[in-house]
Protein backbone atom coordinates (compact mmCIF):
# COMPACT_ATOMS: atom_id res chain seq x y z
CA MET A 1 2.07 -19.81 21.90
CA ALA A 2 4.17 -17.44 23.36
CA GLU A 3 3.87 -14.35 21.14
CA GLY A 4 0.52 -13.79 23.02
CA PHE A 5 -1.69 -14.38 20.18
CA HIS A 6 -3.76 -16.79 21.82
CA TRP A 7 -6.53 -15.54 23.90
CA GLU A 8 -9.03 -18.40 25.58
CA GLU A 9 -11.91 -15.77 25.25
CA ASN A 10 -11.06 -15.79 21.25
CA PRO A 11 -9.34 -18.90 20.17
CA GLU A 12 -9.92 -17.67 16.52
CA PHE A 13 -8.19 -14.33 17.11
CA TYR A 14 -4.70 -16.24 15.87
CA TYR A 15 -6.23 -17.23 12.47
CA ARG A 16 -7.91 -14.01 11.35
CA PHE A 17 -4.78 -12.28 12.43
CA GLY A 18 -1.74 -14.46 11.60
CA GLU A 19 -2.90 -16.91 9.26
CA ARG A 20 -5.38 -15.14 7.28
CA ARG A 21 -4.14 -12.43 4.44
CA ASN A 22 -4.47 -9.07 5.60
CA PRO A 23 -2.59 -5.55 4.82
CA ARG A 24 0.54 -5.54 6.82
CA THR A 25 2.94 -2.93 8.13
CA LEU A 26 6.59 -4.38 8.25
CA ALA A 27 9.74 -2.96 9.52
CA GLY A 28 13.22 -4.79 9.22
CA ILE A 29 16.84 -4.35 8.85
CA LYS A 30 19.40 -5.41 6.62
CA ALA A 31 23.00 -6.52 7.36
CA ASP A 32 24.40 -3.53 6.61
CA GLY A 33 22.33 -1.64 8.68
CA THR A 34 19.69 -0.29 6.09
CA LEU A 35 16.25 0.13 7.63
CA LEU A 36 13.44 -1.50 5.49
CA PHE A 37 9.51 -0.17 5.79
CA VAL A 38 7.05 -2.39 3.64
CA THR A 39 3.44 -2.12 3.29
CA VAL A 40 1.07 -4.57 1.57
CA ASP A 41 -2.08 -3.86 0.82
CA GLY A 42 -5.07 -6.32 0.77
CA ARG A 43 -8.50 -7.13 0.83
CA ALA A 44 -8.78 -5.70 -2.70
CA PRO A 45 -9.01 -8.91 -5.28
CA GLY A 46 -7.60 -8.24 -8.68
CA LEU A 47 -5.05 -5.32 -6.57
CA SER A 48 -3.63 -7.44 -3.53
CA VAL A 49 -5.22 -9.83 -1.13
CA GLY A 50 -2.77 -8.83 1.70
CA ALA A 51 -0.42 -11.38 3.38
CA ASN A 52 -0.25 -13.84 6.16
CA PHE A 53 2.67 -13.94 8.57
CA GLU A 54 4.62 -16.52 7.00
CA GLU A 55 4.47 -14.62 3.58
CA SER A 56 5.29 -11.44 5.38
CA ALA A 57 8.36 -13.20 6.58
CA ARG A 58 8.98 -14.48 3.34
CA ILE A 59 8.99 -10.88 1.48
CA MET A 60 11.17 -9.08 4.29
CA LYS A 61 13.61 -12.17 3.78
CA SER A 62 13.52 -11.37 0.20
CA LEU A 63 13.89 -7.69 0.32
CA GLY A 64 17.24 -8.79 2.23
CA ALA A 65 16.23 -8.21 6.06
CA VAL A 66 18.09 -10.56 8.76
CA ASP A 67 15.62 -8.56 11.31
CA ALA A 68 11.99 -8.08 10.97
CA LEU A 69 8.44 -7.68 12.38
CA ASN A 70 4.84 -6.77 11.90
CA LEU A 71 3.94 -3.70 13.08
CA ASP A 72 0.31 -3.67 12.64
CA GLY A 73 -2.30 -4.36 9.71
CA GLY A 74 -5.53 -4.33 8.31
CA GLY A 75 -7.05 -0.78 7.77
CA SER A 76 -4.67 1.12 9.62
CA THR A 77 -1.60 0.02 7.16
CA SER A 78 -0.89 2.84 4.99
CA MET A 79 2.25 4.90 3.63
CA THR A 80 3.00 8.30 2.70
CA VAL A 81 6.13 9.17 0.69
CA GLY A 82 6.29 13.01 1.05
CA ASN A 83 2.82 14.32 0.54
CA THR A 84 1.61 11.38 -1.19
CA LEU A 85 -0.43 8.05 0.14
CA VAL A 86 1.15 5.35 -1.77
CA THR A 87 -1.18 2.41 -0.70
CA ARG A 88 -4.66 1.55 -0.87
CA SER A 89 -7.06 1.63 1.88
CA SER A 90 -8.77 -1.66 2.74
CA ASP A 91 -11.47 0.04 4.64
CA GLN A 92 -14.93 0.60 2.43
CA THR A 93 -14.89 4.05 4.17
CA GLY A 94 -11.60 5.05 2.84
CA GLU A 95 -8.14 6.14 4.67
CA ARG A 96 -8.42 5.82 8.89
CA PRO A 97 -7.58 8.64 10.77
CA ILE A 98 -4.32 7.56 12.27
CA GLY A 99 -2.88 9.13 15.69
CA ASP A 100 0.43 7.90 15.26
CA ALA A 101 3.44 7.29 12.59
CA ILE A 102 6.97 6.52 11.88
CA LEU A 103 8.54 9.56 10.26
CA LEU A 104 11.64 9.06 8.47
CA LEU A 105 13.11 12.57 8.19
CA PRO A 106 16.17 13.78 6.10
């Protein structure tokens, strides 16, 4: 796979990461220049099961993205608006301490 998701030492990596539904952190841009930052909660049956790569692409396209990418996923997927966490952690231990972020400031 040209994207680097095929690892001979771990052949099921792509399946676990790309084909199975997981929480996702997505970014995209619309034709008018509007930025899209999207999170998909997951691993919570009855609330959200997450999305695979194909579903993530369809979500971004439905929001009007002309270009988009998957930034990360799993337990590190989270979004805060102001001082409020607006996503649910998929980790049983709760929110992960994450050392990086994309900040949008006025």
